[in-house]
Structures are given as C-alpha cells and as structure tokens.
Amino acid sequence: MILGFLSDAHGNREAFEQGLSLLLAGGADTVYFLGDAVGYLPGDGVVDAIRETGVIPILGNHDARLLSGEIDPERDEIQRLRDTFQAMPAANRAFLETWPDHRLLESDFGKLLLVHGSPADPVGGYVYPNTDLGQFATVHERAVFMGQTHRPFVRSHGETAFINVGSCGLPRDCGHLGAACLFDDTSGMARIIRFDIRDATTAALRRCGPVAPEVRAVFARRSPGGCYGT
C-alpha cells in the first residue's frame, strides 16, 4: 500500500489541494494530514477540505491552541487564530475536536508512528534536519512521520526511519516549494515531493485577505543550501 502525507497547511487550502492531487496521482491509497490546518493565513478552508476529501488528520499545535482558546494577543497579529476561531462554523470546531494527537499504524514494514511534533511531544515537539535523533533511542516503531518544523527530511537512527514531511502550505526552507511525502508501507521507501505553490499561494492570499508581513516573508525565502527533495 502507498501512503501519502501532508502537514502544516496553515490556511493555505489551495496548496493543500495541490499537494493532495499530487499524492493521489502518485498512487497514494490513503492520505494522512499531520496537523496545523490553521494559523497564519486566516480561515478554516483546510479543515473544510479535510472533511470533504476524507484525508485522515491528527492534531497540530496551532489546531490545539485554537481549540483551547489560549491565544497570545501579541503573537496572534501574525498567527490569526482568533479571527479563524470566531468565523469557524460549529461543525468544523466539532470535527477538529475529534482529531487525535497521534496515530499508530500497523503495516507490512512494521509499526508506524504519526505525530505532528516529535515522539516525545506529539503536538508541540520539534525535530529539525540537524536534530540529534539519539534522544529518541527508546522509539521502537519502524518509521516516525512528523511535521511542525516546515522543513522536510528523511533520516534513520538504528532501525527507525524519521520522516519529516515538511509543509504543504508554508514551507520555511524554500517558501515557493510545498512538500508532501509518499511512503511504500511494504518496502519502507519514503519519497519527498516538492511542488511549486506560488500560484496556489497567490490565490490563497487573494481569498483570505491581508496577512502579516512576517508571513509573506516566509513565502519569499530561498535557501542558499538548496531545497531538500529537489
């Protein structure tokens, strides 16, 4: 079976849908979303899209913060969670409340752990491309899938593959290239897909209205070291 993964759409429904289309075209039988449907680009369009398409979600830290109401007024000038919460229909809030903080899957390759953050902190942890994976020595799943850092990578430690699927809607290495992941759950082969989200982002910004300059600056980033997966 081929599994598809998306994460960190952050209100960019157009880029989410672009990434989903690429995964389905690439043969994905089931697609999972690893959290952070909301934040930065106001609106709950990604939550709508997940409900409509049957993508299987887990909770991200921005999703959790929106539900809890623990929103920092100063940071929210950038994150726009309060605006999103106030405009969100009750049905979408109820749907978001059903999202678990992790999923554990059985596969031919072995057990797969799905989190937003890290094995130690499923919702709020961070695992970067240069993070010391030795701290997760007690993890026994064959593969761990994550988002949160908006920077994709595939690395191994011991017998465990650590796969950060990156961000489909707000990439932080190369802001014009969304990321998604295809995984063969028999062979254990993971492939990061990078795709140009400039047109999708333009449409998303036109739809959702003004966003903070700090957010626009992320879309303009170009990593001098190149973009993982290209």
C-alpha atoms as a PDB file:
ATOM      1  CA  MET A   1       0.000   0.000   0.000  1.00  0.00           C
ATOM      2  CA  ILE A   2       1.143   3.535  -0.740  1.00  0.00           C
ATOM      3  CA  LEU A   3       0.520   6.104   1.990  1.00  0.00           C
ATOM      4  CA  GLY A   4       0.534   9.843   1.411  1.00  0.00           C
ATOM      5  CA  PHE A   5       1.358  12.525   3.962  1.00  0.00           C
ATOM      6  CA  LEU A   6       0.764  16.262   4.153  1.00  0.00           C
ATOM      7  CA  SER A   7       1.325  18.659   7.038  1.00  0.00           C
ATOM      8  CA  ASP A   8       1.294  22.303   8.081  1.00  0.00           C
ATOM      9  CA  ALA A   9      -1.102  23.784   5.540  1.00  0.00           C
ATOM     10  CA  HIS A  10      -1.763  26.808   7.799  1.00  0.00           C
ATOM     11  CA  GLY A  11      -4.842  28.056   5.992  1.00  0.00           C
ATOM     12  CA  ASN A  12      -3.401  27.615   2.508  1.00  0.00           C
ATOM     13  CA  ARG A  13      -6.212  25.443   1.168  1.00  0.00           C
ATOM     14  CA  GLU A  14      -5.110  25.880  -2.431  1.00  0.00           C
ATOM     15  CA  ALA A  15      -1.626  24.481  -1.725  1.00  0.00           C
ATOM     16  CA  PHE A  16      -3.131  21.669   0.392  1.00  0.00           C
ATOM     17  CA  GLU A  17      -5.355  20.639  -2.506  1.00  0.00           C
ATOM     18  CA  GLN A  18      -2.418  20.836  -4.914  1.00  0.00           C
ATOM     19  CA  GLY A  19      -0.357  18.556  -2.683  1.00  0.00           C
ATOM     20  CA  LEU A  20      -3.264  16.138  -2.256  1.00  0.00           C
ATOM     21  CA  SER A  21      -3.727  15.905  -6.030  1.00  0.00           C
ATOM     22  CA  LEU A  22      -0.042  15.101  -6.480  1.00  0.00           C
ATOM     23  CA  LEU A  23      -0.174  12.355  -3.849  1.00  0.00           C
ATOM     24  CA  LEU A  24      -3.236  10.757  -5.410  1.00  0.00           C
ATOM     25  CA  ALA A  25      -1.639  10.982  -8.852  1.00  0.00           C
ATOM     26  CA  GLY A  26       1.441   9.337  -7.343  1.00  0.00           C
ATOM     27  CA  GLY A  27      -0.595   6.315  -6.277  1.00  0.00           C
ATOM     28  CA  ALA A  28      -1.450   7.097  -2.650  1.00  0.00           C
ATOM     29  CA  ASP A  29      -4.171   4.748  -1.376  1.00  0.00           C
ATOM     30  CA  THR A  30      -4.677   6.671   1.877  1.00  0.00           C
ATOM     31  CA  VAL A  31      -3.590  10.203   2.788  1.00  0.00           C
ATOM     32  CA  TYR A  32      -2.854  11.485   6.291  1.00  0.00           C
ATOM     33  CA  PHE A  33      -2.582  15.091   7.439  1.00  0.00           C
ATOM     34  CA  LEU A  34      -0.108  15.639  10.283  1.00  0.00           C
ATOM     35  CA  GLY A  35      -1.607  18.766  11.802  1.00  0.00           C
ATOM     36  CA  ASP A  36      -1.757  22.566  11.681  1.00  0.00           C
ATOM     37  CA  ALA A  37      -4.657  23.159   9.355  1.00  0.00           C
ATOM     38  CA  VAL A  38      -4.989  26.687  10.767  1.00  0.00           C
ATOM     39  CA  GLY A  39      -2.808  29.649  11.631  1.00  0.00           C
ATOM     40  CA  TYR A  40      -1.014  32.443   9.740  1.00  0.00           C
ATOM     41  CA  LEU A  41      -3.459  32.543   6.803  1.00  0.00           C
ATOM     42  CA  PRO A  42      -6.850  33.230   8.426  1.00  0.00           C
ATOM     43  CA  GLY A  43      -9.751  30.912   7.769  1.00  0.00           C
ATOM     44  CA  ASP A  44     -10.681  27.265   8.144  1.00  0.00           C
ATOM     45  CA  GLY A  45     -10.682  26.299   4.471  1.00  0.00           C
ATOM     46  CA  VAL A  46      -8.186  23.490   5.081  1.00  0.00           C
ATOM     47  CA  VAL A  47     -10.454  21.999   7.755  1.00  0.00           C
ATOM     48  CA  ASP A  48     -13.266  22.082   5.181  1.00  0.00           C
ATOM     49  CA  ALA A  49     -11.031  20.385   2.614  1.00  0.00           C
ATOM     50  CA  ILE A  50     -10.013  17.625   5.025  1.00  0.00           C
ATOM     51  CA  ARG A  51     -13.650  16.917   5.853  1.00  0.00           C
ATOM     52  CA  GLU A  52     -14.635  16.900   2.185  1.00  0.00           C
ATOM     53  CA  THR A  53     -11.817  14.705   0.895  1.00  0.00           C
ATOM     54  CA  GLY A  54     -11.614  12.098   3.656  1.00  0.00           C
ATOM     55  CA  VAL A  55      -7.966  12.799   4.446  1.00  0.00           C
ATOM     56  CA  ILE A  56      -7.188  11.359   7.884  1.00  0.00           C
ATOM     57  CA  PRO A  57      -5.932  14.067  10.306  1.00  0.00           C
ATOM     58  CA  ILE A  58      -4.087  14.421  13.580  1.00  0.00           C
ATOM     59  CA  LEU A  59      -3.841  17.500  15.789  1.00  0.00           C
ATOM     60  CA  GLY A  60      -1.168  20.168  15.402  1.00  0.00           C
ATOM     61  CA  ASN A  61      -0.083  22.751  17.958  1.00  0.00           C
ATOM     62  CA  HIS A  62      -1.931  25.595  16.216  1.00  0.00           C
ATOM     63  CA  ASP A  63      -5.067  23.471  15.968  1.00  0.00           C
ATOM     64  CA  ALA A  64      -4.806  22.694  19.680  1.00  0.00           C
ATOM     65  CA  ARG A  65      -4.216  26.345  20.583  1.00  0.00           C
ATOM     66  CA  LEU A  66      -7.271  27.423  18.622  1.00  0.00           C
ATOM     67  CA  LEU A  67      -9.459  24.849  20.386  1.00  0.00           C
ATOM     68  CA  SER A  68      -8.141  25.711  23.851  1.00  0.00           C
ATOM     69  CA  GLY A  69      -8.633  29.436  23.414  1.00  0.00           C
ATOM     70  CA  GLU A  70      -5.117  30.026  24.807  1.00  0.00           C
ATOM     71  CA  ILE A  71      -4.199  32.611  22.176  1.00  0.00           C
ATOM     72  CA  ASP A  72      -1.407  35.124  22.788  1.00  0.00           C
ATOM     73  CA  PRO A  73      -2.763  38.515  21.608  1.00  0.00           C
ATOM     74  CA  GLU A  74       0.691  39.755  20.559  1.00  0.00           C
ATOM     75  CA  ARG A  75       1.602  36.645  18.581  1.00  0.00           C
ATOM     76  CA  ASP A  76      -1.881  36.446  17.133  1.00  0.00           C
ATOM     77  CA  GLU A  77      -1.235  39.507  14.997  1.00  0.00           C
ATOM     78  CA  ILE A  78       0.825  37.042  12.960  1.00  0.00           C
ATOM     79  CA  GLN A  79      -0.942  33.742  13.655  1.00  0.00           C
ATOM     80  CA  ARG A  80      -4.552  34.966  13.219  1.00  0.00           C
ATOM     81  CA  LEU A  81      -6.092  32.162  15.288  1.00  0.00           C
ATOM     82  CA  ARG A  82      -8.715  34.339  16.978  1.00  0.00           C
ATOM     83  CA  ASP A  83     -10.134  35.520  13.641  1.00  0.00           C
ATOM     84  CA  THR A  84     -10.222  31.931  12.423  1.00  0.00           C
ATOM     85  CA  PHE A  85     -11.914  30.656  15.581  1.00  0.00           C
ATOM     86  CA  GLN A  86     -14.581  33.343  15.561  1.00  0.00           C
ATOM     87  CA  ALA A  87     -15.501  32.653  11.942  1.00  0.00           C
ATOM     88  CA  MET A  88     -15.353  28.855  12.196  1.00  0.00           C
ATOM     89  CA  PRO A  89     -18.722  27.065  11.974  1.00  0.00           C
ATOM     90  CA  ALA A  90     -19.656  24.821  14.887  1.00  0.00           C
ATOM     91  CA  ALA A  91     -19.440  21.752  12.650  1.00  0.00           C
ATOM     92  CA  ASN A  92     -15.785  22.436  11.880  1.00  0.00           C
ATOM     93  CA  ARG A  93     -14.964  23.039  15.554  1.00  0.00           C
ATOM     94  CA  ALA A  94     -16.608  19.743  16.451  1.00  0.00           C
ATOM     95  CA  PHE A  95     -14.678  17.987  13.685  1.00  0.00           C
ATOM     96  CA  LEU A  96     -11.384  19.495  14.847  1.00  0.00           C
ATOM     97  CA  GLU A  97     -12.081  18.281  18.391  1.00  0.00           C
ATOM     98  CA  THR A  98     -12.084  14.680  17.137  1.00  0.00           C
ATOM     99  CA  TRP A  99      -8.511  14.845  15.851  1.00  0.00           C
ATOM    100  CA  PRO A 100      -6.149  12.677  17.946  1.00  0.00           C
ATOM    101  CA  ASP A 101      -2.675  13.826  18.985  1.00  0.00           C
ATOM    102  CA  HIS A 102      -1.057  10.819  17.293  1.00  0.00           C
ATOM    103  CA  ARG A 103      -1.845   7.686  15.328  1.00  0.00           C
ATOM    104  CA  LEU A 104      -0.150   4.285  15.425  1.00  0.00           C
ATOM    105  CA  LEU A 105      -0.460   2.204  12.260  1.00  0.00           C
ATOM    106  CA  GLU A 106       0.350  -1.412  11.508  1.00  0.00           C
ATOM    107  CA  SER A 107       1.957  -2.126   8.159  1.00  0.00           C
ATOM    108  CA  ASP A 108       3.936  -4.801   6.352  1.00  0.00           C
ATOM    109  CA  PHE A 109       7.042  -2.719   7.042  1.00  0.00           C
ATOM    110  CA  GLY A 110       6.250  -2.574  10.764  1.00  0.00           C
ATOM    111  CA  LYS A 111       4.609  -0.147  13.160  1.00  0.00           C
ATOM    112  CA  LEU A 112       4.344   3.475  12.017  1.00  0.00           C
ATOM    113  CA  LEU A 113       4.004   6.400  14.433  1.00  0.00           C
ATOM    114  CA  LEU A 114       2.315   9.565  13.175  1.00  0.00           C
ATOM    115  CA  VAL A 115       2.758  12.780  15.175  1.00  0.00           C
ATOM    116  CA  HIS A 116       2.796  16.487  14.499  1.00  0.00           C
ATOM    117  CA  GLY A 117       5.782  17.345  16.678  1.00  0.00           C
ATOM    118  CA  SER A 118       8.036  14.562  17.959  1.00  0.00           C
ATOM    119  CA  PRO A 119       7.823  11.103  19.555  1.00  0.00           C
ATOM    120  CA  ALA A 120       8.475  12.723  22.952  1.00  0.00           C
ATOM    121  CA  ASP A 121       5.959  15.557  22.492  1.00  0.00           C
ATOM    122  CA  PRO A 122       3.437  14.597  19.806  1.00  0.00           C
ATOM    123  CA  VAL A 123       1.784  18.010  19.465  1.00  0.00           C
ATOM    124  CA  GLY A 124       4.430  20.541  20.489  1.00  0.00           C
ATOM    125  CA  GLY A 125       7.845  18.965  19.816  1.00  0.00           C
ATOM    126  CA  TYR A 126      10.291  19.951  17.087  1.00  0.00           C
ATOM    127  CA  VAL A 127      12.566  17.672  15.046  1.00  0.00           C
ATOM    128  CA  TYR A 128      14.777  19.584  12.610  1.00  0.00           C
ATOM    129  CA  PRO A 129      17.046  18.197   9.882  1.00  0.00           C
ATOM    130  CA  ASN A 130      20.016  18.531  12.269  1.00  0.00           C
ATOM    131  CA  THR A 131      18.290  17.340  15.462  1.00  0.00           C
ATOM    132  CA  ASP A 132      20.161  14.625  17.379  1.00  0.00           C
ATOM    133  CA  LEU A 133      17.975  11.562  16.848  1.00  0.00           C
ATOM    134  CA  GLY A 134      19.780   9.727  19.630  1.00  0.00           C
ATOM    135  CA  GLN A 135      17.343  11.280  22.102  1.00  0.00           C
ATOM    136  CA  PHE A 136      14.678   9.013  20.604  1.00  0.00           C
ATOM    137  CA  ALA A 137      16.600   5.789  21.214  1.00  0.00           C
ATOM    138  CA  THR A 138      13.627   4.275  23.025  1.00  0.00           C
ATOM    139  CA  VAL A 139      11.398   4.624  19.949  1.00  0.00           C
ATOM    140  CA  HIS A 140      10.731   1.160  18.545  1.00  0.00           C
ATOM    141  CA  GLU A 141       8.424   1.906  15.633  1.00  0.00           C
ATOM    142  CA  ARG A 142       9.934   1.250  12.213  1.00  0.00           C
ATOM    143  CA  ALA A 143       9.058   4.734  10.988  1.00  0.00           C
ATOM    144  CA  VAL A 144       8.022   8.033  12.563  1.00  0.00           C
ATOM    145  CA  PHE A 145       6.241  10.648  10.445  1.00  0.00           C
ATOM    146  CA  MET A 146       6.263  14.296  11.586  1.00  0.00           C
ATOM    147  CA  GLY A 147       5.670  17.873  10.516  1.00  0.00           C
ATOM    148  CA  GLN A 148       5.909  21.026  12.674  1.00  0.00           C
ATOM    149  CA  THR A 149       9.289  22.401  11.554  1.00  0.00           C
ATOM    150  CA  HIS A 150       8.184  23.040   7.944  1.00  0.00           C
ATOM    151  CA  ARG A 151      11.486  21.508   6.810  1.00  0.00           C
ATOM    152  CA  PRO A 152      11.379  18.048   5.199  1.00  0.00           C
ATOM    153  CA  PHE A 153      13.957  15.301   5.608  1.00  0.00           C
ATOM    154  CA  VAL A 154      14.355  11.529   5.697  1.00  0.00           C
ATOM    155  CA  ARG A 155      16.879  10.179   8.197  1.00  0.00           C
ATOM    156  CA  SER A 156      17.438   6.933  10.076  1.00  0.00           C
ATOM    157  CA  HIS A 157      18.585   6.117  13.599  1.00  0.00           C
ATOM    158  CA  GLY A 158      19.035   2.471  14.437  1.00  0.00           C
ATOM    159  CA  GLU A 159      16.161   0.595  12.825  1.00  0.00           C
ATOM    160  CA  THR A 160      13.806   3.582  12.784  1.00  0.00           C
ATOM    161  CA  ALA A 161      13.245   5.932   9.864  1.00  0.00           C
ATOM    162  CA  PHE A 162      12.441   9.507  10.904  1.00  0.00           C
ATOM    163  CA  ILE A 163      10.492  11.268   8.164  1.00  0.00           C
ATOM    164  CA  ASN A 164       9.576  14.922   8.389  1.00  0.00           C
ATOM    165  CA  VAL A 165       7.112  15.509   5.578  1.00  0.00           C
ATOM    166  CA  GLY A 166       7.613  19.286   5.590  1.00  0.00           C
ATOM    167  CA  SER A 167       4.888  21.852   4.960  1.00  0.00           C
ATOM    168  CA  CYS A 168       2.483  21.873   2.050  1.00  0.00           C
ATOM    169  CA  GLY A 169       1.279  25.413   2.707  1.00  0.00           C
ATOM    170  CA  LEU A 170       4.019  27.460   4.414  1.00  0.00           C
ATOM    171  CA  PRO A 171       7.485  25.943   3.751  1.00  0.00           C
ATOM    172  CA  ARG A 172      10.295  27.518   5.752  1.00  0.00           C
ATOM    173  CA  ASP A 173      13.326  26.410   3.732  1.00  0.00           C
ATOM    174  CA  CYS A 174      12.223  27.399   0.236  1.00  0.00           C
ATOM    175  CA  GLY A 175       8.996  29.333   0.504  1.00  0.00           C
ATOM    176  CA  HIS A 176       7.825  28.652  -3.034  1.00  0.00           C
ATOM    177  CA  LEU A 177       8.057  24.859  -2.769  1.00  0.00           C
ATOM    178  CA  GLY A 178       5.474  22.910  -0.805  1.00  0.00           C
ATOM    179  CA  ALA A 179       6.316  19.431   0.419  1.00  0.00           C
ATOM    180  CA  ALA A 180       4.493  16.114   0.592  1.00  0.00           C
ATOM    181  CA  CYS A 181       5.559  12.504   1.128  1.00  0.00           C
ATOM    182  CA  LEU A 182       4.780   9.152  -0.462  1.00  0.00           C
ATOM    183  CA  PHE A 183       5.593   6.010   1.539  1.00  0.00           C
ATOM    184  CA  ASP A 184       5.536   2.374   0.453  1.00  0.00           C
ATOM    185  CA  ASP A 185       4.486   0.567   3.608  1.00  0.00           C
ATOM    186  CA  THR A 186       5.866  -2.737   2.327  1.00  0.00           C
ATOM    187  CA  SER A 187       9.389  -1.709   1.324  1.00  0.00           C
ATOM    188  CA  GLY A 188       9.699   1.248   3.709  1.00  0.00           C
ATOM    189  CA  MET A 189      10.711   3.556   0.858  1.00  0.00           C
ATOM    190  CA  ALA A 190       9.871   7.229   1.501  1.00  0.00           C
ATOM    191  CA  ARG A 191       9.909   9.931  -1.174  1.00  0.00           C
ATOM    192  CA  ILE A 192       9.628  13.651  -0.507  1.00  0.00           C
ATOM    193  CA  ILE A 193       7.845  15.555  -3.278  1.00  0.00           C
ATOM    194  CA  ARG A 194       8.454  19.285  -3.717  1.00  0.00           C
ATOM    195  CA  PHE A 195       5.975  21.311  -5.762  1.00  0.00           C
ATOM    196  CA  ASP A 196       5.694  24.960  -6.768  1.00  0.00           C
ATOM    197  CA  ILE A 197       2.976  26.649  -4.690  1.00  0.00           C
ATOM    198  CA  ARG A 198       3.388  30.199  -5.971  1.00  0.00           C
ATOM    199  CA  ASP A 199       0.126  30.243  -7.941  1.00  0.00           C
ATOM    200  CA  ALA A 200      -1.742  28.437  -5.154  1.00  0.00           C
ATOM    201  CA  THR A 201      -0.433  30.865  -2.561  1.00  0.00           C
ATOM    202  CA  THR A 202      -1.369  33.880  -4.665  1.00  0.00           C
ATOM    203  CA  ALA A 203      -4.912  32.513  -4.874  1.00  0.00           C
ATOM    204  CA  ALA A 204      -4.980  31.766  -1.139  1.00  0.00           C
ATOM    205  CA  LEU A 205      -3.835  35.268  -0.221  1.00  0.00           C
ATOM    206  CA  ARG A 206      -6.419  36.775  -2.557  1.00  0.00           C
ATOM    207  CA  ARG A 207      -9.121  34.679  -0.881  1.00  0.00           C
ATOM    208  CA  CYS A 208      -8.177  35.155   2.768  1.00  0.00           C
ATOM    209  CA  GLY A 209      -7.144  38.801   2.659  1.00  0.00           C
ATOM    210  CA  PRO A 210      -4.162  40.555   4.269  1.00  0.00           C
ATOM    211  CA  VAL A 211      -1.611  38.579   6.270  1.00  0.00           C
ATOM    212  CA  ALA A 212       1.290  39.747   8.398  1.00  0.00           C
ATOM    213  CA  PRO A 213       4.486  40.885   6.611  1.00  0.00           C
ATOM    214  CA  GLU A 214       6.361  38.162   8.509  1.00  0.00           C
ATOM    215  CA  VAL A 215       4.216  35.539   6.792  1.00  0.00           C
ATOM    216  CA  ARG A 216       4.742  36.987   3.320  1.00  0.00           C
ATOM    217  CA  ALA A 217       8.479  36.975   4.054  1.00  0.00           C
ATOM    218  CA  VAL A 218       8.385  33.201   4.626  1.00  0.00           C
ATOM    219  CA  PHE A 219       6.947  32.651   1.147  1.00  0.00           C
ATOM    220  CA  ALA A 220       9.825  34.717  -0.267  1.00  0.00           C
ATOM    221  CA  ARG A 221      12.584  32.607   1.336  1.00  0.00           C
ATOM    222  CA  ARG A 222      15.114  30.817  -0.841  1.00  0.00           C
ATOM    223  CA  SER A 223      17.531  28.537   0.995  1.00  0.00           C
ATOM    224  CA  PRO A 224      21.148  29.106  -0.097  1.00  0.00           C
ATOM    225  CA  GLY A 225      21.801  25.427   0.537  1.00  0.00           C
ATOM    226  CA  GLY A 226      19.070  24.284  -1.816  1.00  0.00           C
ATOM    227  CA  CYS A 227      15.732  22.630  -1.072  1.00  0.00           C
ATOM    228  CA  TYR A 228      15.509  19.091   0.254  1.00  0.00           C
ATOM    229  CA  GLY A 229      13.787  16.791  -2.195  1.00  0.00           C
ATOM    230  CA  THR A 230      14.639  18.752  -5.358  1.00  0.00           C
END
